C-alpha atoms as a PDB file:
ATOM      1  CA  MET A   1    -108.332 -30.359 110.276  1.00  0.00           C
ATOM      2  CA  LYS A   2    -106.654 -30.543 106.152  1.00  0.00           C
ATOM      3  CA  LYS A   3    -102.912 -28.716 107.111  1.00  0.00           C
ATOM      4  CA  LEU A   4    -102.740 -25.684 104.268  1.00  0.00           C
ATOM      5  CA  ASN A   5     -99.146 -26.513 102.424  1.00  0.00           C
ATOM      6  CA  MET A   6     -96.404 -23.660 101.528  1.00  0.00           C
ATOM      7  CA  ASP A   7     -98.532 -23.007  98.233  1.00  0.00           C
ATOM      8  CA  SER A   8    -101.862 -22.291  99.949  1.00  0.00           C
ATOM      9  CA  TRP A   9     -99.869 -19.557 101.870  1.00  0.00           C
ATOM     10  CA  ARG A  10     -98.223 -18.457  98.817  1.00  0.00           C
ATOM     11  CA  GLU A  11    -101.190 -17.814  96.743  1.00  0.00           C
ATOM     12  CA  MET A  12    -103.129 -16.094  99.465  1.00  0.00           C
ATOM     13  CA  PHE A  13     -99.958 -14.249 100.264  1.00  0.00           C
ATOM     14  CA  TYR A  14    -100.098 -13.254  95.889  1.00  0.00           C
ATOM     15  CA  GLU A  15    -104.020 -12.119  96.156  1.00  0.00           C
ATOM     16  CA  LYS A  16    -103.459  -9.831  99.229  1.00  0.00           C
ATOM     17  CA  ILE A  17     -99.905  -7.930  98.028  1.00  0.00           C
ATOM     18  CA  LYS A  18    -101.804  -7.142  94.653  1.00  0.00           C
ATOM     19  CA  GLU A  19    -104.172  -5.997  96.268  1.00  0.00           C
ATOM     20  CA  VAL A  20    -102.109  -2.764  97.738  1.00  0.00           C
ATOM     21  CA  LYS A  21     -98.489  -2.735  95.403  1.00  0.00           C
ATOM     22  CA  PRO A  22     -99.999  -4.246  92.293  1.00  0.00           C
ATOM     23  CA  GLN A  23     -96.651  -2.942  90.301  1.00  0.00           C
ATOM     24  CA  ASP A  24     -94.327  -5.045  92.229  1.00  0.00           C
ATOM     25  CA  TYR A  25     -93.613  -9.006  92.075  1.00  0.00           C
ATOM     26  CA  TRP A  26     -93.262 -10.525  95.412  1.00  0.00           C
ATOM     27  CA  ASP A  27     -92.659 -13.869  96.602  1.00  0.00           C
ATOM     28  CA  LEU A  28     -92.690 -15.929  99.903  1.00  0.00           C
ATOM     29  CA  LYS A  29     -91.086 -18.734 100.880  1.00  0.00           C
ATOM     30  CA  MET A  30     -90.268 -21.246 104.208  1.00  0.00           C
ATOM     31  CA  HIS A  31     -87.001 -20.751 105.785  1.00  0.00           C
ATOM     32  CA  GLN A  32     -87.026 -22.811 108.726  1.00  0.00           C
ATOM     33  CA  ASN A  33     -83.073 -21.932 109.767  1.00  0.00           C
ATOM     34  CA  LEU A  34     -84.260 -18.557 109.352  1.00  0.00           C
ATOM     35  CA  ASP A  35     -82.555 -16.709 112.564  1.00  0.00           C
ATOM     36  CA  TYR A  36     -84.246 -13.670 114.396  1.00  0.00           C
ATOM     37  CA  ASN A  37     -82.523 -10.235 114.218  1.00  0.00           C
ATOM     38  CA  ASP A  38     -79.724 -11.813 111.415  1.00  0.00           C
ATOM     39  CA  LEU A  39     -80.722  -9.859 108.765  1.00  0.00           C
ATOM     40  CA  GLY A  40     -78.728  -8.927 105.910  1.00  0.00           C
ATOM     41  CA  PRO A  41     -78.497  -5.815 104.286  1.00  0.00           C
ATOM     42  CA  GLY A  42     -81.833  -4.025 103.034  1.00  0.00           C
ATOM     43  CA  TRP A  43     -83.813  -6.865 104.689  1.00  0.00           C
ATOM     44  CA  LYS A  44     -86.580  -5.956 107.174  1.00  0.00           C
ATOM     45  CA  GLN A  45     -87.827  -7.933 109.715  1.00  0.00           C
ATOM     46  CA  SER A  46     -91.528  -8.613 111.293  1.00  0.00           C
ATOM     47  CA  LEU A  47     -92.361 -11.158 114.255  1.00  0.00           C
ATOM     48  CA  GLN A  48     -96.312 -12.315 114.759  1.00  0.00           C
ATOM     49  CA  GLU A  49     -96.136 -13.543 118.281  1.00  0.00           C
ATOM     50  CA  HIS A  50    -100.074 -14.712 118.640  1.00  0.00           C
ATOM     51  CA  ALA A  51    -101.300 -16.691 116.111  1.00  0.00           C
ATOM     52  CA  PHE A  52    -103.768 -19.272 116.299  1.00  0.00           C
ATOM     53  CA  ALA A  53    -103.247 -22.819 115.449  1.00  0.00           C
ATOM     54  CA  SER A  54    -103.649 -26.486 116.574  1.00  0.00           C
ATOM     55  CA  PHE A  55    -100.843 -29.113 117.114  1.00  0.00           C
ATOM     56  CA  GLN A  56    -100.717 -32.828 117.446  1.00  0.00           C
ATOM     57  CA  CYS A  57     -98.432 -35.287 118.378  1.00  0.00           C
ATOM     58  CA  SER A  58     -96.942 -37.541 116.526  1.00  0.00           C
ATOM     59  CA  TRP A  59     -96.043 -40.265 119.494  1.00  0.00           C
ATOM     60  CA  CYS A  60     -99.202 -40.006 121.473  1.00  0.00           C
ATOM     61  CA  GLN A  61    -101.649 -38.165 119.497  1.00  0.00           C
ATOM     62  CA  HIS A  62    -102.203 -35.673 121.820  1.00  0.00           C
ATOM     63  CA  PHE A  63    -104.001 -32.406 120.159  1.00  0.00           C
ATOM     64  CA  TRP A  64    -103.391 -29.127 121.517  1.00  0.00           C
ATOM     65  CA  SER A  65    -104.348 -25.478 120.625  1.00  0.00           C
ATOM     66  CA  SER A  66    -102.216 -22.629 121.151  1.00  0.00           C
ATOM     67  CA  VAL A  67    -103.054 -18.715 120.381  1.00  0.00           C
ATOM     68  CA  GLN A  68     -98.895 -17.937 121.129  1.00  0.00           C
ATOM     69  CA  VAL A  69     -97.638 -19.505 117.796  1.00  0.00           C
ATOM     70  CA  VAL A  70     -94.947 -17.299 116.538  1.00  0.00           C
ATOM     71  CA  ILE A  71     -94.393 -16.392 113.257  1.00  0.00           C
ATOM     72  CA  LEU A  72     -90.748 -14.835 111.887  1.00  0.00           C
ATOM     73  CA  PHE A  73     -90.263 -12.978 108.364  1.00  0.00           C
ATOM     74  CA  HIS A  74     -87.742 -11.500 106.747  1.00  0.00           C
ATOM     75  CA  MET A  75     -88.386  -9.155 103.891  1.00  0.00           C
ATOM     76  CA  TYR A  76     -86.651  -7.159 101.053  1.00  0.00           C
ATOM     77  CA  LEU A  77     -87.472  -5.408  98.105  1.00  0.00           C
ATOM     78  CA  ASP A  78     -85.656  -4.089  95.269  1.00  0.00           C
ATOM     79  CA  GLN A  79     -87.138  -0.936  94.087  1.00  0.00           C
ATOM     80  CA  HIS A  80     -85.125  -0.814  91.191  1.00  0.00           C
ATOM     81  CA  ARG A  81     -86.367  -4.787  89.808  1.00  0.00           C
ATOM     82  CA  ARG A  82     -89.903  -4.104  91.463  1.00  0.00           C
ATOM     83  CA  LYS A  83     -89.093  -6.959  92.959  1.00  0.00           C
ATOM     84  CA  GLY A  84     -89.678  -7.981  96.606  1.00  0.00           C
ATOM     85  CA  TRP A  85     -88.986 -11.592  98.943  1.00  0.00           C
ATOM     86  CA  VAL A  86     -90.385 -12.881 101.827  1.00  0.00           C
ATOM     87  CA  LYS A  87     -88.354 -15.293 104.285  1.00  0.00           C
ATOM     88  CA  MET A  88     -91.161 -16.964 106.661  1.00  0.00           C
ATOM     89  CA  ARG A  89     -90.470 -19.257 109.823  1.00  0.00           C
ATOM     90  CA  VAL A  90     -93.180 -20.896 111.495  1.00  0.00           C
ATOM     91  CA  PHE A  91     -91.868 -21.707 115.388  1.00  0.00           C
ATOM     92  CA  ARG A  92     -92.794 -24.904 116.457  1.00  0.00           C
ATOM     93  CA  GLN A  93     -94.519 -26.172 120.175  1.00  0.00           C
ATOM     94  CA  GLU A  94     -93.651 -29.963 121.285  1.00  0.00           C
ATOM     95  CA  CYS A  95     -96.217 -31.919 123.313  1.00  0.00           C
ATOM     96  CA  TYR A  96     -96.449 -32.058 127.210  1.00  0.00           C
ATOM     97  CA  GLN A  97     -98.221 -35.355 127.471  1.00  0.00           C
ATOM     98  CA  CYS A  98     -95.622 -37.638 126.717  1.00  0.00           C
ATOM     99  CA  SER A  99     -91.986 -37.923 126.846  1.00  0.00           C
ATOM    100  CA  GLU A 100     -91.221 -38.110 123.452  1.00  0.00           C
ATOM    101  CA  GLY A 101     -90.292 -34.310 122.838  1.00  0.00           C
ATOM    102  CA  LYS A 102     -90.211 -34.026 119.456  1.00  0.00           C
ATOM    103  CA  LEU A 103     -91.273 -30.367 118.099  1.00  0.00           C
ATOM    104  CA  GLU A 104     -94.595 -30.696 116.185  1.00  0.00           C
ATOM    105  CA  GLU A 105     -95.703 -27.908 113.325  1.00  0.00           C
ATOM    106  CA  PRO A 106     -98.827 -26.273 113.804  1.00  0.00           C
ATOM    107  CA  ASN A 107    -101.516 -26.551 111.692  1.00  0.00           C
ATOM    108  CA  PHE A 108    -103.359 -22.911 110.786  1.00  0.00           C
ATOM    109  CA  LYS A 109    -106.936 -23.009 109.232  1.00  0.00           C
ATOM    110  CA  GLU A 110    -107.983 -20.663 106.406  1.00  0.00           C
ATOM    111  CA  GLU A 111    -108.673 -17.676 108.318  1.00  0.00           C
ATOM    112  CA  SER A 112    -105.966 -17.457 110.956  1.00  0.00           C
ATOM    113  CA  VAL A 113    -103.752 -17.882 108.055  1.00  0.00           C
ATOM    114  CA  GLN A 114    -105.987 -14.641 106.296  1.00  0.00           C
ATOM    115  CA  ARG A 115    -104.991 -12.342 109.612  1.00  0.00           C
ATOM    116  CA  VAL A 116    -101.317 -13.373 109.510  1.00  0.00           C
ATOM    117  CA  LEU A 117    -100.307 -12.288 105.814  1.00  0.00           C
ATOM    118  CA  GLU A 118    -102.781  -9.614 106.452  1.00  0.00           C
ATOM    119  CA  ASN A 119    -100.554  -8.469 108.834  1.00  0.00           C
ATOM    120  CA  LEU A 120     -97.468  -9.069 106.883  1.00  0.00           C
ATOM    121  CA  VAL A 121     -98.768  -7.320 103.842  1.00  0.00           C
ATOM    122  CA  ILE A 122     -98.937  -4.364 106.370  1.00  0.00           C
ATOM    123  CA  SER A 123     -95.572  -5.054 107.686  1.00  0.00           C
ATOM    124  CA  ILE A 124     -94.242  -4.693 103.989  1.00  0.00           C
ATOM    125  CA  SER A 125     -96.535  -1.319 103.857  1.00  0.00           C
ATOM    126  CA  GLU A 126     -94.473  -0.117 106.715  1.00  0.00           C
ATOM    127  CA  LYS A 127     -90.964  -1.457 106.846  1.00  0.00           C
ATOM    128  CA  CYS A 128     -90.065  -1.646 103.404  1.00  0.00           C
ATOM    129  CA  TYR A 129     -92.348   1.173 101.029  1.00  0.00           C
ATOM    130  CA  GLY A 130     -92.167   4.201 104.562  1.00  0.00           C
ATOM    131  CA  GLU A 131     -96.200   3.853 104.983  1.00  0.00           C
ATOM    132  CA  TYR A 132     -98.038   4.126 108.073  1.00  0.00           C
ATOM    133  CA  VAL A 133    -100.796   2.131 108.569  1.00  0.00           C
ATOM    134  CA  ALA A 134    -103.254   1.879 111.827  1.00  0.00           C
ATOM    135  CA  GLN A 135    -105.290  -1.035 111.480  1.00  0.00           C
ATOM    136  CA  LEU A 136    -103.530  -4.581 112.319  1.00  0.00           C
ATOM    137  CA  SER A 137    -106.111  -7.331 112.599  1.00  0.00           C
ATOM    138  CA  GLU A 138    -106.988  -8.921 115.639  1.00  0.00           C
ATOM    139  CA  VAL A 139    -106.671 -12.662 116.832  1.00  0.00           C
ATOM    140  CA  THR A 140    -109.561 -14.677 116.539  1.00  0.00           C
ATOM    141  CA  VAL A 141    -109.986 -17.991 118.448  1.00  0.00           C
ATOM    142  CA  ILE A 142    -111.212 -20.733 115.927  1.00  0.00           C
ATOM    143  CA  GLY A 143    -112.395 -23.153 118.556  1.00  0.00           C
ATOM    144  CA  ARG A 144    -111.351 -23.736 121.895  1.00  0.00           C
ATOM    145  CA  HIS A 145    -108.171 -23.418 123.641  1.00  0.00           C
ATOM    146  CA  TYR A 146    -107.202 -24.841 127.093  1.00  0.00           C
ATOM    147  CA  GLY A 147    -104.775 -23.435 129.373  1.00  0.00           C
ATOM    148  CA  PRO A 148    -101.810 -20.645 129.933  1.00  0.00           C
ATOM    149  CA  HIS A 149     -99.218 -20.979 127.400  1.00  0.00           C
ATOM    150  CA  ARG A 150     -96.150 -23.621 128.003  1.00  0.00           C
ATOM    151  CA  SER A 151     -93.394 -21.795 127.625  1.00  0.00           C
ATOM    152  CA  ASP A 152     -90.768 -24.308 128.393  1.00  0.00           C
ATOM    153  CA  HIS A 153     -92.668 -26.691 125.245  1.00  0.00           C
ATOM    154  CA  CYS A 154     -92.432 -23.892 123.007  1.00  0.00           C
ATOM    155  CA  GLU A 155     -89.540 -23.474 120.236  1.00  0.00           C
ATOM    156  CA  ALA A 156     -89.577 -19.983 120.212  1.00  0.00           C
ATOM    157  CA  CYS A 157     -89.672 -19.323 123.815  1.00  0.00           C
ATOM    158  CA  ARG A 158     -86.104 -21.698 124.169  1.00  0.00           C
ATOM    159  CA  LEU A 159     -84.642 -19.515 121.871  1.00  0.00           C
ATOM    160  CA  GLY A 160     -85.811 -16.102 123.933  1.00  0.00           C
ATOM    161  CA  ILE A 161     -87.524 -14.629 120.860  1.00  0.00           C
ATOM    162  CA  HIS A 162     -91.157 -15.085 122.226  1.00  0.00           C
ATOM    163  CA  GLN A 163     -91.549 -12.876 125.811  1.00  0.00           C
ATOM    164  CA  ARG A 164     -94.757 -12.202 126.609  1.00  0.00           C
ATOM    165  CA  PRO A 165     -95.657  -8.950 129.020  1.00  0.00           C
ATOM    166  CA  LYS A 166     -95.733 -10.020 132.598  1.00  0.00           C
ATOM    167  CA  HIS A 167     -99.508  -8.614 133.287  1.00  0.00           C
ATOM    168  CA  THR A 168    -101.086 -10.486 130.627  1.00  0.00           C
ATOM    169  CA  MET A 169    -101.926 -14.107 128.891  1.00  0.00           C
ATOM    170  CA  TYR A 170    -101.040 -13.539 125.630  1.00  0.00           C
ATOM    171  CA  TYR A 171    -101.544 -10.125 124.310  1.00  0.00           C
ATOM    172  CA  GLY A 172     -98.907  -7.394 123.555  1.00  0.00           C
ATOM    173  CA  ARG A 173     -97.047  -5.653 120.697  1.00  0.00           C
ATOM    174  CA  PRO A 174     -92.987  -5.575 121.420  1.00  0.00           C
ATOM    175  CA  LYS A 175     -90.928  -3.027 119.747  1.00  0.00           C
ATOM    176  CA  ASP A 176     -90.444  -3.189 116.110  1.00  0.00           C
ATOM    177  CA  THR A 177     -92.911  -6.079 115.555  1.00  0.00           C
ATOM    178  CA  VAL A 178     -96.079  -6.519 113.939  1.00  0.00           C
ATOM    179  CA  TYR A 179     -98.684  -8.447 116.200  1.00  0.00           C
ATOM    180  CA  HIS A 180    -101.447 -10.982 115.519  1.00  0.00           C
ATOM    181  CA  GLY A 181    -103.366  -9.612 118.426  1.00  0.00           C
ATOM    182  CA  THR A 182    -105.071  -6.989 120.627  1.00  0.00           C
ATOM    183  CA  SER A 183    -102.229  -4.684 122.150  1.00  0.00           C
ATOM    184  CA  LYS A 184    -101.817  -3.663 125.241  1.00  0.00           C
ATOM    185  CA  ASP A 185    -101.955   0.048 124.843  1.00  0.00           C
ATOM    186  CA  THR A 186    -105.805  -0.329 123.987  1.00  0.00           C
ATOM    187  CA  MET A 187    -106.606  -2.009 127.068  1.00  0.00           C
ATOM    188  CA  PRO A 188    -108.752   0.224 129.420  1.00  0.00           C
ATOM    189  CA  PRO A 189    -106.572   0.945 132.780  1.00  0.00           C
ATOM    190  CA  ILE A 190    -107.447  -0.513 135.913  1.00  0.00           C
ATOM    191  CA  GLN A 191    -108.862   1.636 138.470  1.00  0.00           C
ATOM    192  CA  LEU A 192    -107.259   0.760 141.864  1.00  0.00           C
ATOM    193  CA  PRO A 193    -109.039   1.936 145.161  1.00  0.00           C
ATOM    194  CA  SER A 194    -107.590   5.053 146.667  1.00  0.00           C
ATOM    195  CA  HIS A 195    -106.564   4.877 150.144  1.00  0.00           C
ATOM    196  CA  ASN A 196    -107.300   8.914 150.973  1.00  0.00           C
ATOM    197  CA  LEU A 197    -110.541   9.903 152.015  1.00  0.00           C
ATOM    198  CA  PRO A 198    -111.927  13.009 150.384  1.00  0.00           C
ATOM    199  CA  GLN A 199    -112.037  15.921 152.754  1.00  0.00           C
ATOM    200  CA  ASP A 200    -115.732  15.960 153.069  1.00  0.00           C
ATOM    201  CA  THR A 201    -115.808  13.042 154.332  1.00  0.00           C
ATOM    202  CA  ILE A 202    -112.942  13.373 157.118  1.00  0.00           C
ATOM    203  CA  SER A 203    -114.834  16.731 158.438  1.00  0.00           C
ATOM    204  CA  CYS A 204    -118.123  14.729 158.824  1.00  0.00           C
ATOM    205  CA  ASP A 205    -116.566  11.808 160.366  1.00  0.00           C
ATOM    206  CA  PHE A 206    -115.300  14.309 162.962  1.00  0.00           C
ATOM    207  CA  LYS A 207    -118.476  15.985 163.661  1.00  0.00           C
ATOM    208  CA  PHE A 208    -120.461  13.330 164.511  1.00  0.00           C
ATOM    209  CA  CYS A 209    -117.785  11.755 166.562  1.00  0.00           C
ATOM    210  CA  CYS A 210    -118.210  15.069 168.530  1.00  0.00           C
ATOM    211  CA  VAL A 211    -121.560  15.359 168.809  1.00  0.00           C
ATOM    212  CA  PHE A 212    -122.049  11.397 169.752  1.00  0.00           C
ATOM    213  CA  CYS A 213    -119.290  12.332 172.676  1.00  0.00           C
ATOM    214  CA  ILE A 214    -121.219  14.758 173.762  1.00  0.00           C
ATOM    215  CA  CYS A 215    -124.460  13.181 173.761  1.00  0.00           C
ATOM    216  CA  ILE A 216    -122.928  10.100 176.274  1.00  0.00           C
ATOM    217  CA  PHE A 217    -120.699  12.965 178.528  1.00  0.00           C
ATOM    218  CA  ILE A 218    -124.638  14.817 178.758  1.00  0.00           C
ATOM    219  CA  PHE A 219    -126.299  11.256 179.577  1.00  0.00           C
ATOM    220  CA  ILE A 220    -123.834  10.235 182.163  1.00  0.00           C
ATOM    221  CA  PHE A 221    -123.585  13.279 184.094  1.00  0.00           C
ATOM    222  CA  ILE A 222    -127.744  13.462 184.181  1.00  0.00           C
ATOM    223  CA  TYR A 223    -127.400   9.655 185.316  1.00  0.00           C
ATOM    224  CA  MET A 224    -124.852  10.576 187.838  1.00  0.00           C
ATOM    225  CA  ASN A 225    -126.820  13.869 189.183  1.00  0.00           C
ATOM    226  CA  SER A 226    -129.744  11.453 189.594  1.00  0.00           C
ATOM    227  CA  TRP A 227    -127.866   8.907 191.446  1.00  0.00           C
ATOM    228  CA  ILE A 228    -126.362  11.484 194.112  1.00  0.00           C
ATOM    229  CA  LEU A 229    -129.963  12.787 195.005  1.00  0.00           C
ATOM    230  CA  LYS A 230    -131.420   9.484 196.071  1.00  0.00           C
ATOM    231  CA  LEU A 231    -128.111   8.774 197.964  1.00  0.00           C
ATOM    232  CA  PHE A 232    -128.707  11.731 199.790  1.00  0.00           C
ATOM    233  CA  LYS A 233    -132.437  11.778 200.316  1.00  0.00           C
END
């Protein structure tokens, strides 16, 4: 799979931001030293926790994919100059099949990048322009994905940034973040069986037991009378 470089990310970002904010100029740059919640005055933060990408170990060539790729964005809009800046950090994962332990950069397909950038533009609209956008892009798994997320081999998990809900595998929308997945709030609630039986059911069962006991008593009474009569003959 051909790796998309930063120029490809930037070109797609320009197209999407110009569609919604043609009056302002925005720039996107990679900053691998970006820290979570370490914001300067006026800067806003967006965290996407469920992007899809693949990885390949540079040591043993093991290949794996993940829907738990975490991307951190810091955004700033200068309204007077009509300019905005976005800093981006993509968190890495390491191979779990060899002892090399090197953190590898993710490889994104174009469709996955498009969805990440769509969510970024939504986050910019909400946090930098004060607009509300209801629809967020859902994650699309391109190709096969095997197994659960290995948090001990995830850079974002080690830093305490990526924290998944315990009752789901990889979906969720933590507070004040933009997600690349399905919100747990949209998932239908699980209906648990009730341990309390309806009153009508209890009443019917009681009546049935009473009738059954009466029938047994009558049968025993008739049998005993018949046995006594035979005894005195």
